[in-house]
Amino acid sequence: MQRARAGVLRASEMSDPTVTVTNLGEQEVETVFGVIYPPQVSLVGFGRIADRPWAHEGLLGSRPIVTATLSADHRERWASRRAVPRGDRPPPPGAGAPMTRDEIRQAVLRILGQVAPEADLEGIDPGRSMQEQFDLDSMDFLNFVSGIQQEISVDVPERDYPKIETLDACIDYIFAALATATEA
């Protein structure tokens, strides 16, 4: 809330919605059937309030009723249940040499800078929690983990999140994961 009031929200706090709520009732639309655009996974739509027949205690009358609809992308439910996790696949043929620790450090700092652009990456304490140093909330941290997967092709399962808490630990984790993938 403090960052919102100060006008310094992070991209993760203003983009990539997962659930969209829309109300077209003001435009006299009775029922909303939403179309989902990634990265959304669902859309809740509300139509106009209209008097409709209603039975109550054996009597028929009319009541103001609103129609609410839910559109959901069933693929999202299965996204984390891949048959073969990406981290278990060997690198593609012709892939370059494994990354050095310095290259990993630069990539991690670049990803961190995208997640928390206001962060002072020059003054990072490599042995201290990155979440504490840069006030990363859970969504920021998930974006950080996603950035590691996208940029470095290393999946970090949730059980391993504590293993990437500090910059040094994160570099060690990625270096070991890349070495394991190269040996496979």
Protein backbone atom coordinates (compact mmCIF):
# COMPACT_ATOMS: atom_id res chain seq x y z
CA MET A 1 0.00 0.00 0.00
CA GLN A 2 2.89 2.36 0.76
CA ARG A 3 4.36 1.93 -2.73
CA ALA A 4 0.95 2.58 -4.32
CA ARG A 5 0.52 5.81 -2.38
CA ALA A 6 4.06 6.84 -3.25
CA GLY A 7 3.43 6.10 -6.93
CA VAL A 8 6.21 3.52 -7.20
CA LEU A 9 4.35 0.27 -7.84
CA ARG A 10 6.30 -2.58 -9.38
CA ALA A 11 5.31 -4.09 -12.68
CA SER A 12 4.22 -7.26 -10.86
CA GLU A 13 1.74 -5.21 -8.88
CA MET A 14 0.12 -3.63 -11.94
CA SER A 15 0.32 -6.24 -14.68
CA ASP A 16 -0.24 -9.85 -15.51
CA PRO A 17 -3.66 -10.26 -13.92
CA THR A 18 -4.80 -13.79 -13.26
CA VAL A 19 -8.46 -13.05 -12.57
CA THR A 20 -10.38 -10.27 -14.28
CA VAL A 21 -13.68 -8.98 -12.99
CA THR A 22 -15.91 -7.11 -15.40
CA ASN A 23 -19.31 -5.48 -14.97
CA LEU A 24 -21.29 -4.72 -18.11
CA GLY A 25 -24.58 -4.29 -16.28
CA GLU A 26 -24.35 -0.51 -16.59
CA GLN A 27 -24.52 -0.99 -20.36
CA GLU A 28 -27.72 -3.06 -20.03
CA VAL A 29 -25.93 -6.35 -20.81
CA GLU A 30 -27.76 -9.16 -19.00
CA THR A 31 -25.14 -11.92 -19.19
CA VAL A 32 -21.38 -11.67 -19.75
CA PHE A 33 -19.50 -14.54 -21.39
CA GLY A 34 -15.88 -13.53 -21.10
CA VAL A 35 -12.98 -14.28 -23.39
CA ILE A 36 -9.75 -15.03 -21.55
CA TYR A 37 -6.50 -13.57 -22.81
CA PRO A 38 -3.22 -14.86 -21.33
CA PRO A 39 -1.85 -14.42 -18.73
CA GLN A 40 -5.37 -14.40 -17.30
CA VAL A 41 -6.71 -17.72 -16.11
CA SER A 42 -10.27 -16.69 -15.38
CA LEU A 43 -12.82 -13.96 -15.85
CA VAL A 44 -15.84 -13.19 -13.68
CA GLY A 45 -18.55 -11.25 -15.47
CA PHE A 46 -21.55 -9.46 -13.97
CA GLY A 47 -24.60 -8.46 -15.99
CA ARG A 48 -27.33 -5.95 -15.21
CA ILE A 49 -29.67 -6.26 -12.29
CA ALA A 50 -33.09 -7.24 -13.62
CA ASP A 51 -36.40 -8.22 -12.03
CA ARG A 52 -36.92 -11.94 -12.50
CA PRO A 53 -39.48 -14.46 -11.26
CA TRP A 54 -38.61 -15.83 -7.82
CA ALA A 55 -40.34 -18.44 -5.70
CA HIS A 56 -40.18 -18.01 -1.93
CA GLU A 57 -42.13 -20.04 0.63
CA GLY A 58 -44.51 -21.27 -2.04
CA LEU A 59 -45.25 -17.81 -3.40
CA LEU A 60 -44.16 -16.52 -6.79
CA GLY A 61 -42.96 -12.98 -7.04
CA SER A 62 -40.26 -10.92 -8.63
CA ARG A 63 -36.84 -10.05 -7.28
CA PRO A 64 -33.88 -8.05 -8.55
CA ILE A 65 -31.32 -10.62 -9.72
CA VAL A 66 -27.86 -10.26 -11.21
CA THR A 67 -26.27 -12.92 -13.39
CA ALA A 68 -22.66 -13.75 -12.64
CA THR A 69 -20.58 -15.95 -14.95
CA LEU A 70 -17.16 -17.53 -14.64
CA SER A 71 -14.91 -18.31 -17.60
CA ALA A 72 -11.83 -20.34 -16.74
CA ASP A 73 -8.81 -21.66 -18.62
CA HIS A 74 -8.57 -25.34 -17.69
CA ARG A 75 -5.00 -25.54 -19.05
CA GLU A 76 -3.68 -23.48 -16.13
CA ARG A 77 -4.74 -26.18 -13.70
CA TRP A 78 -2.48 -28.67 -15.44
CA ALA A 79 0.44 -26.37 -16.24
CA SER A 80 2.43 -27.39 -13.16
CA ARG A 81 1.81 -31.10 -13.74
CA ARG A 82 4.05 -31.70 -16.73
CA ALA A 83 4.94 -35.34 -17.33
CA VAL A 84 8.65 -34.47 -17.63
CA PRO A 85 9.79 -31.37 -15.76
CA ARG A 86 11.94 -29.05 -17.87
CA GLY A 87 14.82 -29.28 -15.42
CA ASP A 88 15.18 -33.00 -16.17
CA ARG A 89 15.69 -32.52 -19.91
CA PRO A 90 19.20 -32.40 -21.30
CA PRO A 91 20.23 -29.20 -23.06
CA PRO A 92 19.41 -29.11 -26.77
CA PRO A 93 22.09 -30.23 -29.22
CA GLY A 94 24.52 -27.43 -30.03
CA ALA A 95 23.83 -25.57 -26.80
CA GLY A 96 26.74 -23.43 -25.70
CA ALA A 97 29.12 -24.05 -22.85
CA PRO A 98 27.69 -24.00 -19.33
CA MET A 99 27.37 -20.58 -17.74
CA THR A 100 30.09 -19.38 -15.42
CA ARG A 101 29.26 -18.19 -11.92
CA ASP A 102 29.83 -14.61 -13.02
CA GLU A 103 27.43 -15.01 -15.97
CA ILE A 104 24.85 -16.52 -13.61
CA ARG A 105 25.34 -13.60 -11.19
CA GLN A 106 24.80 -11.06 -13.98
CA ALA A 107 21.67 -12.90 -15.18
CA VAL A 108 20.25 -13.14 -11.65
CA LEU A 109 20.89 -9.42 -11.05
CA ARG A 110 19.27 -8.59 -14.39
CA ILE A 111 16.18 -10.64 -13.47
CA LEU A 112 16.08 -9.07 -10.02
CA GLY A 113 16.29 -5.62 -11.61
CA GLN A 114 13.27 -6.43 -13.78
CA VAL A 115 11.26 -7.58 -10.77
CA ALA A 116 12.30 -4.71 -8.49
CA PRO A 117 13.50 -1.85 -10.71
CA GLU A 118 14.01 0.47 -7.74
CA ALA A 119 16.45 -1.98 -6.12
CA ASP A 120 20.05 -0.88 -5.54
CA LEU A 121 21.74 -3.90 -7.09
CA GLU A 122 25.21 -2.41 -6.58
CA GLY A 123 24.75 -2.50 -2.82
CA ILE A 124 23.38 -6.04 -2.58
CA ASP A 125 24.64 -8.13 0.31
CA PRO A 126 25.20 -11.54 -1.34
CA GLY A 127 24.74 -13.41 1.95
CA ARG A 128 21.51 -11.71 3.04
CA SER A 129 17.95 -12.60 2.00
CA MET A 130 17.04 -10.89 -1.28
CA GLN A 131 13.38 -10.78 -0.21
CA GLU A 132 14.30 -8.75 2.88
CA GLN A 133 16.81 -6.49 1.11
CA PHE A 134 14.44 -5.48 -1.67
CA ASP A 135 11.05 -5.89 0.04
CA LEU A 136 9.98 -8.61 -2.41
CA ASP A 137 6.46 -9.85 -1.83
CA SER A 138 5.36 -13.35 -2.82
CA MET A 139 4.33 -12.25 -6.35
CA ASP A 140 7.68 -10.52 -6.87
CA PHE A 141 9.46 -13.68 -5.75
CA LEU A 142 7.38 -15.83 -8.12
CA ASN A 143 8.23 -13.44 -10.96
CA PHE A 144 11.90 -13.79 -9.97
CA VAL A 145 11.66 -17.61 -10.07
CA SER A 146 9.82 -17.40 -13.41
CA GLY A 147 12.57 -15.12 -14.75
CA ILE A 148 15.20 -17.71 -13.77
CA GLN A 149 13.30 -20.37 -15.70
CA GLN A 150 12.78 -18.16 -18.76
CA GLU A 151 16.24 -16.65 -18.97
CA ILE A 152 18.46 -19.42 -17.62
CA SER A 153 16.20 -22.48 -18.25
CA VAL A 154 16.43 -23.69 -14.66
CA ASP A 155 13.21 -24.74 -12.95
CA VAL A 156 13.13 -24.06 -9.23
CA PRO A 157 10.47 -26.19 -7.53
CA GLU A 158 8.68 -24.60 -4.61
CA ARG A 159 10.40 -26.92 -2.12
CA ASP A 160 13.74 -25.38 -3.21
CA TYR A 161 12.74 -21.71 -2.75
CA PRO A 162 14.70 -21.48 0.53
CA LYS A 163 17.79 -22.61 -1.40
CA ILE A 164 17.74 -19.43 -3.54
CA GLU A 165 17.07 -16.96 -0.72
CA THR A 166 20.40 -15.13 -0.97
CA LEU A 167 22.34 -14.08 -4.07
CA ASP A 168 25.22 -16.46 -3.27
CA ALA A 169 22.86 -19.37 -2.58
CA CYS A 170 20.91 -18.63 -5.77
CA ILE A 171 24.10 -18.63 -7.88
CA ASP A 172 25.22 -21.93 -6.28
CA TYR A 173 21.80 -23.51 -6.89
CA ILE A 174 21.68 -22.48 -10.56
CA PHE A 175 25.31 -23.48 -11.14
CA ALA A 176 24.62 -26.96 -9.70
CA ALA A 177 21.38 -27.32 -11.70
CA LEU A 178 23.13 -26.39 -14.94
CA ALA A 179 26.01 -28.78 -14.19
CA THR A 180 23.52 -31.61 -13.54
CA ALA A 181 21.68 -30.87 -16.80
CA THR A 182 24.96 -30.86 -18.74
CA GLU A 183 25.98 -34.26 -17.30
CA ALA A 184 22.66 -35.87 -18.29
